[in-house]
Protein backbone atom coordinates (compact mmCIF):
# COMPACT_ATOMS: atom_id res chain seq x y z
CA MET A 1 -98.94 -43.28 19.87
CA HIS A 2 -95.95 -41.18 20.42
CA CYS A 3 -93.91 -44.30 21.29
CA LYS A 4 -95.12 -46.03 18.21
CA GLY A 5 -93.98 -43.09 16.12
CA LEU A 6 -90.62 -43.19 17.78
CA LEU A 7 -90.29 -46.88 17.11
CA ARG A 8 -91.22 -46.33 13.50
CA ASP A 9 -88.67 -43.58 13.20
CA SER A 10 -86.00 -45.74 14.79
CA ARG A 11 -86.81 -48.58 12.41
CA GLU A 12 -86.65 -46.23 9.44
CA ILE A 13 -83.34 -44.93 10.68
CA GLU A 14 -81.98 -48.45 10.94
CA ARG A 15 -83.29 -49.26 7.50
CA ASP A 16 -81.64 -46.11 6.15
CA ARG A 17 -78.41 -47.14 7.87
CA GLN A 18 -78.59 -50.61 6.35
CA ARG A 19 -79.35 -49.07 2.99
CA GLN A 20 -76.36 -46.77 3.39
CA LYS A 21 -74.21 -49.74 4.36
CA GLU A 22 -75.42 -51.65 1.32
CA THR A 23 -74.80 -48.67 -0.92
CA ASP A 24 -71.34 -48.29 0.63
CA ARG A 25 -70.67 -51.97 0.04
CA ASP A 26 -71.92 -51.68 -3.55
CA SER A 27 -69.81 -48.60 -4.13
CA ARG A 28 -66.77 -50.36 -2.62
CA LYS A 29 -67.41 -53.40 -4.78
CA GLN A 30 -67.83 -51.18 -7.82
CA ARG A 31 -64.60 -49.36 -6.98
CA GLU A 32 -62.77 -52.65 -6.49
CA THR A 33 -64.17 -54.02 -9.74
CA GLU A 34 -63.20 -50.80 -11.50
CA ARG A 35 -59.71 -51.01 -10.01
CA ASP A 36 -59.45 -54.64 -11.10
CA ARG A 37 -60.61 -53.69 -14.56
CA LYS A 38 -58.07 -50.88 -14.70
CA ARG A 39 -55.33 -53.23 -13.53
CA GLN A 40 -56.37 -55.83 -16.09
CA LYS A 41 -56.44 -53.20 -18.81
CA GLU A 42 -53.03 -51.94 -17.74
CA THR A 43 -51.63 -55.48 -17.71
CA GLU A 44 -53.19 -56.16 -21.10
CA GLY A 45 -51.72 -52.92 -22.44
CA ASP A 46 -48.31 -53.86 -21.01
CA ARG A 47 -48.57 -57.30 -22.59
CA LYS A 48 -49.57 -55.79 -25.93
CA ARG A 49 -46.70 -53.35 -25.72
CA GLN A 50 -44.27 -56.15 -24.90
CA THR A 51 -45.59 -58.25 -27.79
CA GLU A 52 -45.31 -55.25 -30.10
CA ARG A 53 -41.76 -54.58 -28.91
CA GLN A 54 -40.86 -58.23 -29.41
CA LYS A 55 -42.35 -58.13 -32.91
CA GLU A 56 -40.42 -54.96 -33.69
CA THR A 57 -37.19 -56.49 -32.40
CA GLU A 58 -37.82 -59.65 -34.42
CA THR A 59 -38.53 -57.62 -37.56
CA GLU A 60 -35.36 -55.59 -36.98
CA ARG A 61 -33.37 -58.80 -36.50
CA ASP A 62 -34.88 -60.26 -39.69
CA ARG A 63 -33.97 -57.09 -41.57
CA GLU A 64 -30.42 -57.21 -40.24
CA ARG A 65 -30.14 -60.88 -41.20
CA GLN A 66 -31.45 -60.13 -44.68
CA ARG A 67 -29.00 -57.26 -45.04
CA GLU A 68 -26.11 -59.44 -43.90
CA ALA A 69 -27.18 -62.22 -46.29
CA GLU A 70 -27.42 -59.73 -49.16
CA THR A 71 -23.99 -58.29 -48.35
CA GLU A 72 -22.51 -61.79 -48.19
CA ARG A 73 -24.13 -62.65 -51.52
CA ASP A 74 -22.73 -59.48 -53.08
CA ARG A 75 -19.28 -60.30 -51.73
CA GLU A 76 -19.48 -63.85 -53.08
CA ARG A 77 -20.58 -62.53 -56.47
CA GLN A 78 -17.72 -60.05 -56.53
CA ARG A 79 -15.28 -62.81 -55.57
CA GLN A 80 -16.64 -65.06 -58.31
CA LYS A 81 -16.35 -62.22 -60.82
CA GLU A 82 -12.75 -61.55 -59.77
CA THR A 83 -11.83 -65.24 -59.99
CA GLU A 84 -13.46 -65.52 -63.40
CA ARG A 85 -11.63 -62.42 -64.59
CA ASP A 86 -8.33 -63.84 -63.33
CA ARG A 87 -9.04 -67.12 -65.12
CA ASP A 88 -9.90 -65.27 -68.32
CA ARG A 89 -6.68 -63.28 -68.08
CA GLU A 90 -4.65 -66.44 -67.55
CA ARG A 91 -6.35 -68.07 -70.51
CA GLN A 92 -5.69 -65.04 -72.67
CA LYS A 93 -2.04 -65.09 -71.61
CA GLU A 94 -1.80 -68.80 -72.40
CA THR A 95 -3.46 -68.34 -75.79
CA GLU A 96 -1.18 -65.40 -76.57
CA GLY A 97 1.87 -67.48 -75.57
CA ASP A 98 0.68 -70.37 -77.74
CA ARG A 99 0.12 -68.01 -80.65
CA ARG A 100 3.57 -66.49 -80.23
CA ARG A 101 5.13 -69.94 -80.10
CA GLN A 102 3.23 -71.02 -83.20
CA LYS A 103 4.28 -67.86 -85.01
CA GLU A 104 7.92 -68.41 -84.00
CA THR A 105 7.83 -72.04 -85.14
CA GLU A 106 6.20 -71.01 -88.41
CA ARG A 107 8.83 -68.34 -88.95
CA GLU A 108 11.61 -70.84 -88.26
CA ARG A 109 10.04 -73.33 -90.66
CA GLN A 110 9.68 -70.67 -93.33
CA LYS A 111 13.30 -69.64 -92.84
CA GLU A 112 14.45 -73.25 -93.12
CA THR A 113 12.37 -73.82 -96.26
CA GLU A 114 13.73 -70.62 -97.79
CA ARG A 115 17.30 -71.68 -96.98
CA GLU A 116 16.72 -75.10 -98.51
CA ARG A 117 15.24 -73.50 -101.61
CA ASP A 118 18.21 -71.16 -101.93
CA ARG A 119 20.64 -74.07 -101.58
CA LYS A 120 18.78 -76.17 -104.14
CA GLU A 121 18.57 -73.28 -106.57
CA THR A 122 22.31 -72.59 -106.21
CA HIS A 123 23.12 -76.27 -106.77
CA ARG A 124 20.89 -76.42 -109.83
CA GLN A 125 22.38 -73.26 -111.28
CA GLN A 126 25.90 -74.63 -110.75
CA HIS A 127 25.00 -77.94 -112.40
CA LEU A 128 23.38 -76.21 -115.38
CA LEU A 129 26.40 -73.94 -115.82
CA LEU A 130 28.75 -76.92 -115.77
CA LEU A 131 26.68 -78.77 -118.35
CA LEU A 132 26.59 -75.72 -120.60
CA LEU A 133 30.36 -75.24 -120.27
CA LEU A 134 30.97 -78.88 -121.16
CA LEU A 135 28.72 -78.63 -124.20
CA LEU A 136 30.38 -75.42 -125.33
CA LEU A 137 33.92 -76.74 -124.84
CA HIS A 138 33.05 -80.02 -126.51
CA PRO A 139 34.22 -80.21 -130.18
CA SER A 140 32.32 -81.99 -132.96
CA GLY A 141 34.59 -85.06 -133.09
CA ALA A 142 33.55 -87.50 -130.37
CA PRO A 143 29.96 -86.96 -129.24
CA ALA A 144 29.65 -90.23 -127.29
CA LEU A 145 32.69 -89.50 -125.12
CA ALA A 146 31.56 -85.92 -124.59
CA ALA A 147 28.09 -87.05 -123.54
CA ALA A 148 29.57 -89.64 -121.18
CA ALA A 149 31.95 -87.09 -119.70
CA ALA A 150 29.13 -84.57 -119.32
CA ALA A 151 26.94 -87.18 -117.62
CA ALA A 152 29.79 -88.18 -115.32
CA ALA A 153 30.52 -84.57 -114.42
CA ALA A 154 26.84 -83.84 -113.85
CA ALA A 155 26.49 -86.91 -111.63
CA ALA A 156 29.62 -85.95 -109.73
CA TRP A 157 28.45 -82.40 -109.17
CA LEU A 158 24.98 -83.55 -108.19
CA CYS A 159 26.50 -85.99 -105.70
CA CYS A 160 28.79 -83.40 -104.19
CA SER A 161 27.07 -81.06 -101.74
CA ALA A 162 28.16 -77.70 -100.42
CA ALA A 163 29.56 -79.30 -97.25
CA ASP A 164 31.85 -81.82 -99.14
CA PRO A 165 34.77 -79.89 -100.72
CA ARG A 166 36.81 -83.08 -101.10
CA CYS A 167 34.36 -84.55 -103.59
CA ARG A 168 34.52 -81.43 -105.71
CA ALA A 169 38.32 -81.34 -105.58
CA ALA A 170 38.43 -85.01 -106.58
CA HIS A 171 36.05 -84.68 -109.51
CA THR A 172 36.71 -81.26 -111.01
CA PRO A 173 40.17 -82.04 -112.46
CA ARG A 174 38.81 -85.22 -113.96
CA SER A 175 36.11 -83.30 -115.81
CA SER A 176 38.70 -80.79 -117.01
CA SER A 177 41.05 -83.60 -118.06
CA SER A 178 38.15 -85.31 -119.86
CA SER A 179 37.42 -82.08 -121.72
CA SER A 180 41.13 -81.69 -122.63
CA ASN A 181 41.36 -85.34 -123.68
CA SER A 182 38.23 -84.96 -125.82
CA SER A 183 39.74 -81.88 -127.48
CA SER A 184 43.06 -83.70 -128.11
CA ASN A 185 41.23 -86.74 -129.49
CA SER A 186 39.18 -84.49 -131.79
CA SER A 187 42.43 -82.95 -133.12
CA SER A 188 44.16 -86.33 -133.65
CA ASN A 189 41.56 -88.84 -134.87
CA SER A 190 44.15 -90.81 -136.82
CA SER A 191 46.10 -92.18 -133.83
CA SER A 192 44.41 -95.27 -132.40
CA SER A 193 46.41 -95.33 -129.18
CA ARG A 194 44.98 -92.00 -128.07
CA TYR A 195 41.51 -93.17 -129.01
CA VAL A 196 41.93 -96.27 -126.84
CA GLY A 197 43.22 -94.11 -123.99
CA ASN A 198 40.22 -91.84 -124.31
CA LEU A 199 37.95 -94.89 -124.23
CA LEU A 200 39.61 -96.09 -121.05
CA VAL A 201 39.28 -92.64 -119.52
CA SER A 202 35.62 -92.54 -120.51
CA LEU A 203 35.06 -95.97 -118.94
CA VAL A 204 36.71 -94.81 -115.73
CA LEU A 205 34.53 -91.71 -115.77
CA LEU A 206 31.45 -93.83 -116.37
CA ARG A 207 32.36 -96.05 -113.45
CA SER A 208 32.93 -93.07 -111.21
CA SER A 209 29.67 -91.52 -112.41
CA ILE A 210 27.78 -94.76 -111.61
CA CYS A 211 29.33 -94.88 -108.14
CA LEU A 212 28.55 -91.25 -107.56
CA SER A 213 24.98 -91.68 -108.80
CA LEU A 214 24.53 -94.59 -106.39
CA GLN A 215 25.91 -92.43 -103.58
CA TYR A 216 23.52 -89.70 -104.62
CA LEU A 217 20.61 -92.14 -104.49
CA VAL A 218 21.71 -93.31 -101.04
CA GLN A 219 21.85 -89.70 -99.88
CA GLN A 220 18.41 -89.09 -101.36
CA GLN A 221 17.06 -92.10 -99.49
CA GLN A 222 18.63 -90.80 -96.30
CA GLN A 223 17.09 -87.41 -96.92
CA GLN A 224 13.74 -89.05 -97.56
CA GLN A 225 14.06 -90.98 -94.32
CA ARG A 226 14.87 -87.75 -92.53
CA GLN A 227 11.88 -86.09 -94.15
CA GLN A 228 9.70 -89.03 -93.13
CA LYS A 229 10.97 -88.69 -89.57
CA GLN A 230 10.21 -84.98 -89.68
CA GLN A 231 6.76 -85.72 -91.04
CA GLN A 232 6.19 -88.25 -88.28
CA GLN A 233 7.31 -85.66 -85.75
CA GLN A 234 4.92 -83.16 -87.32
CA GLN A 235 2.13 -85.72 -87.15
CA GLN A 236 2.94 -86.33 -83.50
CA GLN A 237 2.88 -82.58 -82.89
CA GLN A 238 -0.46 -82.37 -84.67
CA GLN A 239 -1.79 -85.21 -82.54
CA GLN A 240 -0.54 -83.42 -79.43
CA GLN A 241 -2.26 -80.24 -80.61
CA GLN A 242 -5.47 -82.20 -81.17
CA GLN A 243 -5.17 -83.65 -77.67
CA GLN A 244 -4.63 -80.15 -76.28
CA GLN A 245 -7.69 -78.95 -78.17
CA GLN A 246 -9.72 -81.83 -76.75
CA GLN A 247 -8.47 -80.98 -73.26
CA GLN A 248 -9.47 -77.35 -73.82
CA GLN A 249 -12.92 -78.49 -74.94
CA GLN A 250 -13.26 -80.64 -71.82
CA GLN A 251 -12.17 -77.71 -69.66
CA GLN A 252 -14.71 -75.48 -71.39
CA GLN A 253 -17.45 -78.06 -70.78
CA GLN A 254 -16.45 -78.30 -67.12
CA GLN A 255 -16.54 -74.52 -66.86
CA LEU A 256 -20.00 -74.50 -68.42
CA THR A 257 -21.25 -77.02 -65.86
CA SER A 258 -19.68 -75.03 -63.02
CA SER A 259 -21.21 -71.81 -64.36
CA LYS A 260 -24.61 -73.54 -64.50
CA GLU A 261 -24.26 -74.59 -60.88
CA GLN A 262 -22.92 -71.27 -59.63
CA ARG A 263 -24.96 -69.06 -62.02
CA SER A 264 -22.21 -66.46 -62.24
CA LEU A 265 -22.77 -63.05 -63.91
CA SER A 266 -21.36 -61.49 -67.15
CA VAL A 267 -18.49 -63.82 -68.20
CA GLU A 268 -16.39 -61.94 -70.74
CA ALA A 269 -16.11 -64.32 -73.76
CA THR A 270 -12.57 -64.53 -75.10
CA PRO A 271 -12.58 -64.92 -78.92
CA ARG A 272 -10.74 -68.00 -79.84
CA GLY A 273 -10.15 -69.91 -83.03
CA LYS A 274 -8.60 -67.01 -84.96
CA GLY A 275 -5.05 -67.79 -83.97
CA GLU A 276 -5.68 -71.47 -84.58
CA GLY A 277 -7.19 -70.67 -87.95
CA GLY A 278 -4.13 -68.55 -88.84
CA GLY A 279 -1.85 -71.37 -87.72
CA PHE A 280 -3.89 -73.79 -89.80
CA VAL A 281 -3.56 -71.55 -92.90
CA ALA A 282 0.18 -71.15 -92.30
CA ALA A 283 0.52 -74.92 -91.87
CA THR A 284 -1.34 -75.52 -95.14
CA ALA A 285 0.85 -72.94 -96.89
CA THR A 286 4.04 -74.52 -95.57
CA ALA A 287 2.77 -77.98 -96.52
CA ALA A 288 1.98 -76.76 -100.05
CA ILE A 289 5.41 -75.14 -100.35
CA ALA A 290 7.06 -78.34 -99.09
CA ALA A 291 5.06 -80.40 -101.60
CA ILE A 292 6.11 -78.08 -104.46
CA ALA A 293 9.74 -78.27 -103.34
CA GLU A 294 9.58 -82.06 -103.13
CA ALA A 295 8.00 -82.22 -106.59
CA ALA A 296 10.77 -80.01 -107.95
CA ILE A 297 13.39 -82.24 -106.31
CA ALA A 298 11.73 -85.32 -107.78
CA ALA A 299 11.70 -83.70 -111.23
CA ALA A 300 15.38 -82.82 -110.91
CA ALA A 301 16.15 -86.37 -109.81
CA ALA A 302 14.19 -87.68 -112.79
CA THR A 303 16.18 -85.46 -115.15
CA VAL A 304 19.43 -86.62 -113.58
CA ALA A 305 18.31 -90.24 -113.91
CA ALA A 306 17.41 -89.66 -117.56
CA ALA A 307 20.80 -88.05 -118.16
CA THR A 308 22.67 -90.92 -116.52
CA ALA A 309 20.54 -93.58 -118.28
CA ALA A 310 22.79 -93.54 -121.34
CA ALA A 311 25.88 -94.13 -119.20
CA ALA A 312 24.44 -96.76 -116.84
CA GLY A 313 22.00 -99.19 -118.50
CA ASP A 314 20.81 -101.43 -115.67
CA THR A 315 21.07 -98.88 -112.87
CA SER A 316 18.64 -96.47 -114.59
CA HIS A 317 15.73 -98.89 -114.19
CA TYR A 318 16.56 -99.31 -110.52
CA GLN A 319 16.74 -95.55 -110.06
CA GLN A 320 13.46 -95.02 -111.90
CA ARG A 321 11.73 -97.60 -109.72
CA ASN A 322 13.11 -96.00 -106.60
CA LEU A 323 12.04 -92.61 -107.85
CA GLN A 324 8.55 -93.88 -108.67
CA GLN A 325 8.26 -95.48 -105.24
CA GLN A 326 9.47 -92.29 -103.62
CA GLN A 327 6.99 -90.25 -105.63
CA GLN A 328 4.17 -92.61 -104.64
CA GLN A 329 5.21 -92.38 -101.00
CA GLN A 330 5.33 -88.61 -101.26
CA LYS A 331 1.86 -88.55 -102.84
CA GLN A 332 0.51 -90.77 -100.08
CA GLN A 333 2.12 -88.55 -97.46
CA GLN A 334 0.66 -85.47 -99.13
CA GLN A 335 -2.78 -87.10 -99.19
CA GLN A 336 -2.45 -88.00 -95.51
CA GLN A 337 -1.36 -84.46 -94.71
CA GLN A 338 -4.32 -83.06 -96.64
CA LYS A 339 -6.69 -85.38 -94.77
CA GLN A 340 -5.15 -84.35 -91.46
CA GLN A 341 -5.43 -80.70 -92.43
CA GLN A 342 -9.07 -81.20 -93.39
CA GLN A 343 -9.69 -82.92 -90.06
CA GLN A 344 -7.94 -80.06 -88.27
CA GLY A 345 -10.09 -77.56 -90.16
CA GLU A 346 -13.24 -79.45 -89.20
CA ALA A 347 -12.06 -79.58 -85.60
CA VAL A 348 -11.40 -75.82 -85.65
CA GLU A 349 -14.88 -75.20 -87.09
CA GLN A 350 -16.40 -77.42 -84.42
CA GLN A 351 -14.49 -75.51 -81.75
CA GLN A 352 -15.73 -72.21 -83.15
CA GLN A 353 -19.31 -73.51 -83.18
CA GLN A 354 -18.92 -74.75 -79.60
CA GLN A 355 -17.51 -71.38 -78.56
CA GLN A 356 -20.44 -69.60 -80.18
CA GLN A 357 -22.85 -71.95 -78.38
CA GLN A 358 -21.00 -71.29 -75.13
CA GLN A 359 -21.24 -67.54 -75.66
CA GLU A 360 -24.99 -67.83 -76.37
CA HIS A 361 -25.40 -70.01 -73.29
CA GLN A 362 -23.46 -67.50 -71.18
CA GLN A 363 -25.66 -64.68 -72.50
CA GLN A 364 -28.76 -66.69 -71.58
CA GLN A 365 -27.33 -67.29 -68.10
CA HIS A 366 -26.62 -63.57 -67.76
CA GLN A 367 -30.21 -62.76 -68.75
CA GLN A 368 -31.54 -65.34 -66.28
CA GLN A 369 -29.40 -63.87 -63.51
CA GLN A 370 -30.66 -60.38 -64.32
CA GLN A 371 -34.25 -61.66 -64.18
CA GLN A 372 -33.53 -63.32 -60.84
CA GLN A 373 -32.08 -60.06 -59.51
CA GLN A 374 -35.16 -58.19 -60.68
CA GLN A 375 -37.40 -60.77 -59.00
CA GLN A 376 -35.39 -60.47 -55.78
CA GLN A 377 -35.69 -56.68 -55.92
CA GLN A 378 -39.45 -56.97 -56.48
CA GLN A 379 -39.73 -59.40 -53.56
CA HIS A 380 -37.72 -57.00 -51.39
CA GLN A 381 -40.02 -54.13 -52.39
CA GLN A 382 -43.09 -56.27 -51.67
CA HIS A 383 -41.64 -57.19 -48.29
CA GLN A 384 -41.03 -53.51 -47.52
CA GLN A 385 -44.58 -52.66 -48.58
CA GLN A 386 -45.95 -55.42 -46.37
CA GLN A 387 -43.89 -54.14 -43.46
CA GLN A 388 -45.17 -50.60 -44.05
CA GLN A 389 -48.75 -51.89 -44.20
CA GLN A 390 -48.21 -53.83 -40.98
CA GLN A 391 -46.77 -50.73 -39.32
CA GLN A 392 -49.73 -48.66 -40.50
CA GLN A 393 -52.16 -51.31 -39.24
CA HIS A 394 -50.29 -51.45 -35.95
CA GLN A 395 -50.45 -47.66 -35.63
CA HIS A 396 -54.15 -47.73 -36.49
CA GLN A 397 -54.75 -50.40 -33.86
CA GLN A 398 -52.79 -48.40 -31.31
CA HIS A 399 -54.86 -45.32 -32.16
CA GLN A 400 -58.08 -47.33 -31.81
CA GLN A 401 -56.90 -48.75 -28.49
CA GLN A 402 -56.05 -45.27 -27.26
CA GLN A 403 -59.48 -44.04 -28.31
CA GLN A 404 -61.12 -47.00 -26.55
CA GLN A 405 -59.08 -46.34 -23.43
CA GLN A 406 -60.07 -42.68 -23.51
CA GLN A 407 -63.73 -43.63 -23.96
CA GLN A 408 -63.50 -46.12 -21.09
CA GLN A 409 -61.84 -43.50 -18.91
CA GLN A 410 -64.57 -41.03 -19.79
CA GLN A 411 -67.25 -43.63 -19.00
CA GLN A 412 -65.57 -44.43 -15.70
CA GLN A 413 -65.36 -40.76 -14.88
CA GLN A 414 -69.03 -40.37 -15.74
CA GLN A 415 -69.94 -43.41 -13.62
CA ASN A 416 -67.80 -42.09 -10.78
CA SER A 417 -69.43 -38.70 -11.03
CA ILE A 418 -72.90 -40.32 -11.14
CA SER A 419 -72.08 -42.51 -8.13
CA ASN A 420 -70.67 -39.48 -6.32
CA ILE A 421 -73.84 -37.54 -7.10
CA ARG A 422 -75.97 -40.44 -5.88
CA THR A 423 -73.97 -40.82 -2.68
CA ALA A 424 -74.15 -37.06 -2.13
CA ALA A 425 -77.90 -37.09 -2.75
CA SER A 426 -78.39 -40.07 -0.45
CA THR A 427 -76.29 -38.45 2.27
CA ALA A 428 -78.17 -35.18 1.82
CA SER A 429 -81.54 -36.97 2.03
CA GLN A 430 -80.39 -38.86 5.11
CA GLN A 431 -79.18 -35.68 6.73
CA HIS A 432 -82.49 -34.01 5.90
CA ARG A 433 -84.40 -36.93 7.43
CA GLN A 434 -82.24 -36.86 10.50
CA GLN A 435 -82.83 -33.16 10.85
CA GLN A 436 -86.59 -33.69 10.47
CA GLN A 437 -86.50 -36.48 13.05
CA GLN A 438 -84.53 -34.31 15.43
CA GLN A 439 -87.02 -31.49 14.95
CA GLN A 440 -89.92 -33.88 15.56
CA GLN A 441 -88.21 -35.22 18.66
CA GLN A 442 -87.57 -31.72 19.85
CA GLN A 443 -91.24 -30.88 19.24
CA GLN A 444 -92.40 -34.08 20.93
CA GLN A 445 -90.18 -33.67 24.00
CA PRO A 446 -92.17 -30.69 25.57
CA ALA A 447 -95.49 -32.43 24.87
CA SER A 448 -94.26 -35.63 26.49
CA ALA A 449 -92.89 -33.63 29.37
CA ALA A 450 -96.24 -31.89 29.77
CA ALA A 451 -98.06 -35.20 29.57
CA ALA A 452 -95.68 -36.67 32.13
CA THR A 453 -96.24 -33.76 34.46
CA ALA A 454 -99.99 -34.02 33.93
CA ALA A 455 -99.88 -37.72 34.66
CA ALA A 456 -97.79 -37.08 37.77
CA VAL A 457 -100.21 -34.40 38.93
CA ALA A 458 -103.13 -36.71 38.28
CA ALA A 459 -101.45 -39.49 40.18
CA SER A 460 -100.71 -37.24 43.11
CA ALA A 461 -104.23 -35.92 43.10
CA ALA A 462 -105.76 -39.33 43.19
CA PRO A 463 -106.47 -40.79 46.68
């Protein structure tokens, strides 16, 4: 029985050892699994940190790129503004130069017209004075000769200009001699020889007056041709101005298209059309003055032709026809000038309307650009808000992860403490069992020794 108890105890001890080994193995496996879990968690945390750092670096790079793009856009806008300002200044300078040139040309034209008026007025005054002197000096004897002499003198003085002193020197003594001859003939009407001489003198004067009137007509035609040339030149200048205006309109249209493509900001509109309108008014005034002067010249020529009609019978009709043709040509030219002026006025109005439309279009573009800037600012603010929200979410996630890690660590610590307590309890129970077994063995050893001695005694006592 005692041996059986020992065997049982030994078996229990082995079982306890196996159980301890199994518990040790389980604890080792648990420790290894816990270590693996910790390592995995650490690697996952490192990976998350790396991904977060990469995201932060990418966001910082995106921000830097956006800042650089915004700075470049601002620089380009400033450059466009500076170029547009330079262009506007150049245009203003060109317009001011054109206005100054137009004013100078208008002043020169006005000066020339005033000089021509002064010359014509002086010539007319001289002619009228001569006619009055001839009428006053003329006696009441021979009216036909006096009228012929007066007509001849008037034609001669009309023919002679301020730049031809020879013509005056050639014709003034003849007029004075005619007046003296008329006075001598009026005193001596009885002598026929003097009367015939006066007739011959009057015929010579008539011939000279006819020649001079023809020369005067030739000069008038030459002057008209010169005026026509000047008018043609003016028309060519007007056409050139119209072409320049068309070119300016084309340039403005091109600028509008470029401004639509570029969408530049706040183009300072240069007011145009005022200088052109002033030039147009000055041109109309000069044209009206020239028309009045030409009408006055035509009237003076008509009066001269009427005065010389008595002296030259056939030539007067020719002169009247020429004068009528000249007047008709002048009227046609005036009508053409008026039409051209009207067309210029319409063109100026159209330019003003186009400039107003351009200004309105530029204002609309400026408003659109401001709206775009506001939208960009709003988008930038939204992007910043999104980034802040992402950062907050990221911080919240980090906080949650930290809390989870702390909870896991606490759980692991609790599990470790529980496993330690279990191992300590198992070791304590094993030690207690071992102690009990040792005590039992110690108690059983004297009994077994006594039994062995008793058995030995019995064996020795047996025969």
